[in-house]
Amino acid sequence: MLAPEFVCVRRLKVAAPTYAGKPSPEALMSFERKTIITVVIAALAVACEPTHPFATPTADVVSDAQPEWSAWTTPVNLGPVVNSTSNDQHPSISKDGLSLYFISNRPGGYGGNDIWVTQRASVDDPWGTPQNLGPAVNTAFNDFAPNLTIDGHHMYINSDRPGECGGSDLYVVRRQDKRDDFSWGEPENLGCGVNTAYGEFGPTFFDDEANHRQVLYFTSQNRPDGLGDFDVYVSTRSSDEDAWGPGSNVTELNGCCRDTRTAISRDGLELFLSSDVTGRPGGIGGQDLWVSTRATTSDPWSTPANLGPTVNTTFFDGAPALSFDGTTLYFFSTRPGGFGLNDLYVTTRSRLRGPQATLHAHR
């Protein structure tokens, strides 16, 4: 049987094994060994044909076995230390799980909505009292939807501060020390290549290493090419030094109405979405959480599937944020039992099967 990690190439070379204490098999190879190698080469040649099921595609993120997950648990409110009597929403979790960023219009801020952070000493400890990121990041306007990159040195946001392109623009904020939640610099506008007069919101960054590009998902409202209300768009670039290109409508994710905040798994094969239930089979409330998948990072997304009644309610459930290991999903909800208008919640799942995704480079 072919090894799972075998990669097809146009020129096949068979390296004869070497055994300690014996002459080189290249010199003493028996007729039987030659016959076996010939058969193996023939089998590999057939397997490398593009139409053969063993043939591998070009470079992409793949999994030797796609992960299988348990069901999501009943969501738990993050409690009165984190949540307030105001709006607390649009979370983003750090790679180590020790810093949870979110937006709030609670007293003590600088504007309508500010970005705050709550911290904990370990993933088993409770969250601490949220702190405002301060005037370097927040303004007298609405500063919204933080998204931390996995490397911890960048945070993407949207803001309606006076800018260059539209009513709300996308920005990036940088820091040197990824462990210092209060060392962020001044937000930098991403420019009018990606920002438009229609307004851009809710950025989600993904580093697509397999295809040597950076990807930015975001939402935009009532564009001429949109399907209705808010739609999900995607922009790409080659590196940090390049400008973000114009956004393209991700039509397979969008419905007739409000499609907004996204969260993407670290391997880029699973995407969570906040979407209006109108016109989508399986909807539960006014706004639900949905999930879409794909086989590789070059493939289109599947039709979003509802996360179901354990997670969603008949109220507004939105703005998902996925942990680095994929086991924890933060979001906000207007469901009863909270402490304010919008509260932050968390639900978890367990990995049942499947290794971590790896990067295979194919010719």
Protein backbone atom coordinates (compact mmCIF):
# COMPACT_ATOMS: atom_id res chain seq x y z
CA MET A 1 0.00 0.00 0.00
CA LEU A 2 1.27 3.48 -0.77
CA ALA A 3 2.32 5.51 2.23
CA PRO A 4 -0.12 8.40 2.96
CA GLU A 5 2.62 10.97 2.69
CA PHE A 6 3.84 9.81 -0.73
CA VAL A 7 4.02 12.62 -3.28
CA CYS A 8 3.73 11.95 -7.02
CA VAL A 9 6.47 13.38 -9.20
CA ARG A 10 7.15 13.14 -12.93
CA ARG A 11 10.54 11.48 -12.55
CA LEU A 12 10.57 8.45 -10.30
CA LYS A 13 13.78 7.40 -8.59
CA VAL A 14 13.91 4.34 -6.37
CA ALA A 15 16.62 4.55 -3.74
CA ALA A 16 17.82 1.10 -2.78
CA PRO A 17 17.85 0.50 1.00
CA THR A 18 21.12 -0.03 2.84
CA TYR A 19 21.41 -2.68 5.55
CA ALA A 20 24.17 -2.61 8.14
CA GLY A 21 26.76 -5.30 7.73
CA LYS A 22 25.68 -6.42 4.22
CA PRO A 23 26.95 -5.55 0.77
CA SER A 24 25.17 -2.82 -1.18
CA PRO A 25 21.92 -4.09 -2.67
CA GLU A 26 22.77 -2.09 -5.80
CA ALA A 27 25.52 -4.58 -6.47
CA LEU A 28 23.79 -7.76 -5.30
CA MET A 29 20.17 -7.05 -6.11
CA SER A 30 18.43 -10.28 -6.93
CA PHE A 31 16.09 -10.87 -9.82
CA GLU A 32 13.19 -10.99 -7.37
CA ARG A 33 14.02 -7.55 -5.96
CA LYS A 34 14.28 -6.08 -9.44
CA THR A 35 10.89 -7.52 -10.28
CA ILE A 36 9.29 -6.05 -7.14
CA ILE A 37 10.75 -2.60 -7.82
CA THR A 38 9.52 -2.72 -11.40
CA VAL A 39 6.01 -3.50 -10.21
CA VAL A 40 6.14 -0.70 -7.64
CA ILE A 41 7.31 1.82 -10.25
CA ALA A 42 4.50 0.79 -12.57
CA ALA A 43 1.95 1.18 -9.77
CA LEU A 44 3.29 4.61 -8.89
CA ALA A 45 3.15 5.72 -12.49
CA VAL A 46 -0.53 4.78 -12.66
CA ALA A 47 -1.23 6.49 -9.32
CA CYS A 48 0.31 9.71 -10.57
CA GLU A 49 -2.07 10.03 -13.49
CA PRO A 50 -4.32 13.09 -12.96
CA THR A 51 -7.46 11.00 -13.25
CA HIS A 52 -6.34 8.40 -10.71
CA PRO A 53 -7.86 8.67 -7.22
CA PHE A 54 -4.37 8.63 -5.66
CA ALA A 55 -3.24 11.65 -7.68
CA THR A 56 -2.58 14.69 -5.48
CA PRO A 57 -3.50 18.31 -6.25
CA THR A 58 -1.23 21.32 -6.22
CA ALA A 59 0.03 22.82 -2.97
CA ASP A 60 -2.71 23.13 -0.40
CA VAL A 61 -3.61 22.72 3.23
CA VAL A 62 -4.91 19.21 3.74
CA SER A 63 -5.52 16.83 6.59
CA ASP A 64 -4.50 13.17 6.53
CA ALA A 65 -7.86 12.62 8.24
CA GLN A 66 -10.39 15.40 8.52
CA PRO A 67 -11.07 16.24 12.16
CA GLU A 68 -14.22 14.93 13.72
CA TRP A 69 -15.75 16.92 16.55
CA SER A 70 -18.25 16.36 19.30
CA ALA A 71 -21.41 18.45 19.41
CA TRP A 72 -21.18 21.97 20.82
CA THR A 73 -22.10 22.27 24.48
CA THR A 74 -24.83 24.50 25.89
CA PRO A 75 -23.42 28.06 25.85
CA VAL A 76 -22.41 29.63 29.15
CA ASN A 77 -22.61 33.33 29.94
CA LEU A 78 -19.17 34.79 30.77
CA GLY A 79 -20.68 36.35 33.86
CA PRO A 80 -20.96 39.78 35.49
CA VAL A 81 -17.20 40.36 35.73
CA VAL A 82 -16.89 40.42 31.93
CA ASN A 83 -20.41 41.40 30.89
CA SER A 84 -22.01 44.69 31.88
CA THR A 85 -25.43 46.30 31.73
CA SER A 86 -24.36 47.77 28.36
CA ASN A 87 -23.58 46.10 25.00
CA ASP A 88 -20.70 43.60 25.14
CA GLN A 89 -20.08 41.88 21.83
CA HIS A 90 -17.78 40.95 18.89
CA PRO A 91 -15.12 38.92 20.76
CA SER A 92 -11.67 37.83 19.56
CA ILE A 93 -9.53 35.33 21.48
CA SER A 94 -5.71 35.27 21.56
CA LYS A 95 -3.77 32.19 20.46
CA ASP A 96 -2.86 31.28 24.05
CA GLY A 97 -6.45 31.76 25.21
CA LEU A 98 -5.44 34.24 27.91
CA SER A 99 -6.71 37.49 26.38
CA LEU A 100 -10.26 38.04 25.17
CA TYR A 101 -10.86 41.23 23.21
CA PHE A 102 -14.36 42.58 22.61
CA ILE A 103 -16.23 45.81 22.04
CA SER A 104 -18.47 47.60 24.52
CA ASN A 105 -20.24 50.90 24.98
CA ARG A 106 -20.02 50.64 28.78
CA PRO A 107 -19.10 53.71 30.84
CA GLY A 108 -15.40 54.54 31.04
CA GLY A 109 -14.72 54.47 27.32
CA TYR A 110 -13.71 57.13 24.82
CA GLY A 111 -16.57 56.92 22.34
CA GLY A 112 -19.72 55.12 21.26
CA ASN A 113 -18.06 51.67 21.12
CA ASP A 114 -14.54 50.95 22.36
CA ILE A 115 -12.29 47.90 22.29
CA TRP A 116 -11.70 46.30 25.69
CA VAL A 117 -9.72 43.27 26.86
CA THR A 118 -10.19 40.82 29.71
CA GLN A 119 -7.28 38.62 30.82
CA ARG A 120 -6.70 35.46 32.82
CA ALA A 121 -3.59 33.74 34.20
CA SER A 122 -4.39 30.34 32.67
CA VAL A 123 -7.16 28.75 30.63
CA ASP A 124 -8.49 27.25 33.87
CA ASP A 125 -8.74 30.61 35.65
CA PRO A 126 -11.70 33.01 35.55
CA TRP A 127 -11.62 36.11 33.39
CA GLY A 128 -10.56 39.35 35.06
CA THR A 129 -12.14 42.79 35.00
CA PRO A 130 -12.09 44.17 31.43
CA GLN A 131 -9.79 47.10 30.67
CA ASN A 132 -10.05 49.69 27.92
CA LEU A 133 -7.23 49.57 25.33
CA GLY A 134 -6.83 53.32 25.70
CA PRO A 135 -6.69 56.36 23.41
CA ALA A 136 -3.98 54.93 21.14
CA VAL A 137 -6.60 52.56 19.72
CA ASN A 138 -9.99 53.96 20.74
CA THR A 139 -11.49 57.28 19.67
CA ALA A 140 -14.62 59.35 20.21
CA PHE A 141 -16.13 57.38 17.31
CA ASN A 142 -17.10 53.70 17.02
CA ASP A 143 -14.09 51.36 17.09
CA PHE A 144 -15.34 47.90 16.34
CA ALA A 145 -14.86 44.16 15.73
CA PRO A 146 -11.25 43.38 16.81
CA ASN A 147 -9.58 40.39 15.14
CA LEU A 148 -6.23 39.19 16.51
CA THR A 149 -3.86 37.45 14.12
CA ILE A 150 -2.36 34.15 15.26
CA ASP A 151 1.13 35.66 15.56
CA GLY A 152 -0.27 38.19 18.05
CA HIS A 153 1.43 41.20 16.44
CA HIS A 154 -1.54 42.51 14.45
CA MET A 155 -5.14 43.34 15.19
CA TYR A 156 -7.64 44.18 12.46
CA ILE A 157 -10.60 46.41 13.30
CA ASN A 158 -13.19 48.60 11.63
CA SER A 159 -13.87 52.17 12.69
CA ASP A 160 -16.05 55.06 11.59
CA ARG A 161 -13.47 57.63 12.68
CA PRO A 162 -12.81 60.27 10.02
CA GLY A 163 -10.98 58.30 7.34
CA GLU A 164 -10.11 58.08 3.72
CA CYS A 165 -12.70 55.99 1.99
CA GLY A 166 -16.15 55.52 3.52
CA GLY A 167 -18.38 55.69 6.55
CA SER A 168 -16.56 52.75 8.17
CA ASP A 169 -13.10 51.61 7.10
CA LEU A 170 -10.88 48.64 7.89
CA TYR A 171 -7.71 49.29 9.90
CA VAL A 172 -4.74 47.34 11.21
CA VAL A 173 -3.09 47.92 14.58
CA ARG A 174 0.43 46.66 15.36
CA ARG A 175 2.51 45.86 18.44
CA GLN A 176 5.99 44.49 19.07
CA ASP A 177 5.30 42.58 22.29
CA LYS A 178 2.51 40.09 21.68
CA ARG A 179 2.15 39.55 25.44
CA ASP A 180 1.45 43.20 26.19
CA ASP A 181 -2.21 43.96 25.57
CA PHE A 182 -1.64 47.68 26.11
CA SER A 183 1.25 48.32 23.72
CA TRP A 184 -0.77 48.72 20.53
CA GLY A 185 0.17 51.51 18.16
CA GLU A 186 -2.14 53.83 16.26
CA PRO A 187 -4.51 52.10 13.80
CA GLU A 188 -3.50 52.34 10.13
CA ASN A 189 -6.16 52.59 7.42
CA LEU A 190 -5.94 49.68 4.92
CA GLY A 191 -6.52 52.07 2.04
CA CYS A 192 -9.15 52.57 -0.62
CA GLY A 193 -8.13 49.46 -2.54
CA VAL A 194 -10.17 47.39 -0.09
CA ASN A 195 -12.20 50.13 1.67
CA THR A 196 -15.05 51.72 -0.27
CA ALA A 197 -17.74 54.37 0.09
CA TYR A 198 -20.20 51.62 1.12
CA GLY A 199 -18.46 50.88 4.43
CA GLU A 200 -16.48 47.82 5.51
CA PHE A 201 -16.91 45.95 8.78
CA GLY A 202 -15.86 42.88 10.77
CA PRO A 203 -12.42 41.88 9.39
CA THR A 204 -11.12 38.31 9.78
CA PHE A 205 -7.48 37.58 8.83
CA PHE A 206 -6.20 34.22 7.53
CA ASP A 207 -2.63 33.40 6.49
CA ASP A 208 -3.01 30.97 3.56
CA GLU A 209 0.52 29.56 3.57
CA ALA A 210 -0.31 26.84 1.06
CA ASN A 211 -1.18 29.36 -1.63
CA HIS A 212 1.41 31.93 -0.52
CA ARG A 213 -1.07 34.67 0.20
CA GLN A 214 -2.79 36.53 3.00
CA VAL A 215 -6.59 36.57 3.08
CA LEU A 216 -8.93 39.08 4.69
CA TYR A 217 -12.63 38.32 5.04
CA PHE A 218 -14.94 41.22 5.91
CA THR A 219 -18.48 42.43 5.38
CA SER A 220 -19.82 45.33 3.39
CA GLN A 221 -23.30 46.75 3.10
CA ASN A 222 -25.49 47.30 0.05
CA ARG A 223 -22.76 47.13 -2.59
CA PRO A 224 -24.00 46.95 -6.18
CA ASP A 225 -22.69 43.38 -6.50
CA GLY A 226 -24.14 42.27 -3.16
CA LEU A 227 -26.96 39.81 -2.63
CA GLY A 228 -28.72 41.96 -0.04
CA ASP A 229 -27.95 44.05 3.05
CA PHE A 230 -24.58 42.90 4.50
CA ASP A 231 -22.50 40.43 2.45
CA VAL A 232 -19.21 38.65 3.14
CA TYR A 233 -16.30 39.71 0.91
CA VAL A 234 -12.69 38.57 0.63
CA SER A 235 -9.50 40.44 -0.25
CA THR A 236 -6.01 38.98 -0.78
CA ARG A 237 -2.41 40.08 -0.95
CA SER A 238 1.00 38.40 -1.20
CA SER A 239 2.73 39.78 1.91
CA ASP A 240 2.71 42.42 4.65
CA GLU A 241 4.39 44.85 2.28
CA ASP A 242 1.59 44.69 -0.29
CA ALA A 243 -1.68 46.61 -0.34
CA TRP A 244 -4.96 44.77 0.06
CA GLY A 245 -6.80 44.31 -3.22
CA PRO A 246 -10.46 44.99 -3.95
CA GLY A 247 -12.89 42.70 -2.15
CA SER A 248 -14.75 39.97 -4.03
CA ASN A 249 -18.19 38.77 -2.99
CA VAL A 250 -18.03 35.27 -1.43
CA THR A 251 -21.33 34.30 -3.00
CA GLU A 252 -21.49 30.77 -1.60
CA LEU A 253 -21.57 32.17 1.96
CA ASN A 254 -24.11 34.92 1.39
CA GLY A 255 -27.89 34.79 1.52
CA CYS A 256 -30.55 37.31 0.73
CA CYS A 257 -30.12 39.36 3.86
CA ARG A 258 -27.69 40.09 6.68
CA ASP A 259 -24.43 38.05 6.51
CA THR A 260 -21.80 39.48 8.81
CA ARG A 261 -19.11 38.46 11.26
CA THR A 262 -16.88 35.48 10.38
CA ALA A 263 -14.35 33.30 12.20
CA ILE A 264 -11.98 30.90 10.45
CA SER A 265 -10.13 27.85 11.75
CA ARG A 266 -6.34 27.90 11.76
CA ASP A 267 -6.17 25.44 8.82
CA GLY A 268 -8.64 27.52 6.80
CA LEU A 269 -11.05 24.62 6.27
CA GLU A 270 -13.85 25.69 8.60
CA LEU A 271 -15.60 29.07 8.74
CA PHE A 272 -18.21 30.26 11.21
CA LEU A 273 -20.67 32.92 10.16
CA SER A 274 -23.28 35.19 11.71
CA SER A 275 -26.25 35.25 9.33
CA ASP A 276 -29.90 36.16 9.09
CA VAL A 277 -32.12 33.08 8.91
CA THR A 278 -34.33 34.51 6.16
CA GLY A 279 -34.13 32.25 3.13
CA ARG A 280 -31.77 29.78 4.84
CA PRO A 281 -33.10 26.30 5.68
CA GLY A 282 -32.72 25.31 9.32
CA GLY A 283 -32.77 28.78 10.85
CA ILE A 284 -33.87 29.18 14.46
CA GLY A 285 -33.87 32.87 15.41
CA GLY A 286 -33.56 36.25 13.77
CA GLN A 287 -29.76 35.92 13.52
CA ASP A 288 -28.01 32.55 13.96
CA LEU A 289 -24.52 31.08 13.96
CA TRP A 290 -23.67 28.89 10.96
CA VAL A 291 -20.65 26.87 9.80
CA SER A 292 -19.21 26.23 6.34
CA THR A 293 -16.38 23.88 5.36
CA ARG A 294 -14.12 23.11 2.40
CA ALA A 295 -11.65 20.35 1.48
CA THR A 296 -8.70 22.65 0.70
CA THR A 297 -7.98 26.36 0.93
CA SER A 298 -8.36 26.59 -2.85
CA ASP A 299 -11.91 25.24 -2.83
CA PRO A 300 -15.17 27.19 -2.48
CA TRP A 301 -17.04 27.07 0.81
CA SER A 302 -19.93 24.70 1.35
CA THR A 303 -23.45 25.97 1.91
CA PRO A 304 -23.54 27.19 5.54
CA ALA A 305 -25.18 24.80 8.03
CA ASN A 306 -26.91 26.00 11.18
CA LEU A 307 -25.17 25.15 14.48
CA GLY A 308 -28.51 24.01 15.83
CA PRO A 309 -30.75 24.73 18.83
CA THR A 310 -28.15 23.89 21.45
CA VAL A 311 -26.15 26.97 20.41
CA ASN A 312 -28.73 29.18 18.68
CA THR A 313 -31.91 30.60 20.17
CA THR A 314 -34.92 32.50 18.90
CA PHE A 315 -33.04 35.66 19.84
CA PHE A 316 -30.01 37.32 18.18
CA ASP A 317 -26.85 35.13 18.27
CA GLY A 318 -23.85 36.50 16.40
CA ALA A 319 -20.18 37.45 15.98
CA PRO A 320 -18.36 34.10 16.47
CA ALA A 321 -14.70 33.90 17.53
CA LEU A 322 -12.90 30.54 17.38
CA SER A 323 -10.01 29.48 19.62
CA PHE A 324 -6.67 28.45 18.10
CA ASP A 325 -7.29 24.75 18.79
CA GLY A 326 -10.83 24.91 17.43
CA THR A 327 -12.48 23.66 20.62
CA THR A 328 -13.96 26.92 21.94
CA LEU A 329 -16.38 29.36 20.31
CA TYR A 330 -17.12 32.78 21.80
CA PHE A 331 -20.05 34.88 20.58
CA PHE A 332 -22.64 37.36 21.81
CA SER A 333 -26.36 36.94 22.31
CA THR A 334 -29.46 38.87 23.34
CA ARG A 335 -31.02 35.73 24.89
CA PRO A 336 -32.69 36.07 28.30
CA GLY A 337 -30.63 35.53 31.43
CA GLY A 338 -27.86 37.96 30.59
CA PHE A 339 -26.61 41.02 32.41
CA GLY A 340 -27.02 43.64 29.70
CA LEU A 341 -28.33 44.28 26.21
CA ASN A 342 -25.77 42.02 24.48
CA ASP A 343 -23.75 39.53 26.52
CA LEU A 344 -20.74 37.37 25.73
CA TYR A 345 -21.13 33.59 25.81
CA VAL A 346 -18.90 30.56 25.24
CA THR A 347 -19.54 27.04 23.96
CA THR A 348 -17.04 24.18 23.62
CA ARG A 349 -16.52 20.93 21.72
CA SER A 350 -13.96 18.10 21.78
CA ARG A 351 -11.83 16.69 19.00
CA LEU A 352 -12.85 13.07 18.55
CA ARG A 353 -10.52 12.07 15.71
CA GLY A 354 -8.01 13.48 13.28
CA PRO A 355 -4.53 14.98 13.50
CA GLN A 356 -3.77 18.65 13.25
CA ALA A 357 -3.78 19.98 9.72
CA THR A 358 -0.36 20.02 8.05
CA LEU A 359 1.09 21.68 4.98
CA HIS A 360 2.04 19.37 2.09
CA ALA A 361 3.78 20.93 -0.89
CA HIS A 362 2.97 19.07 -4.11
CA ARG A 363 4.51 19.64 -7.48
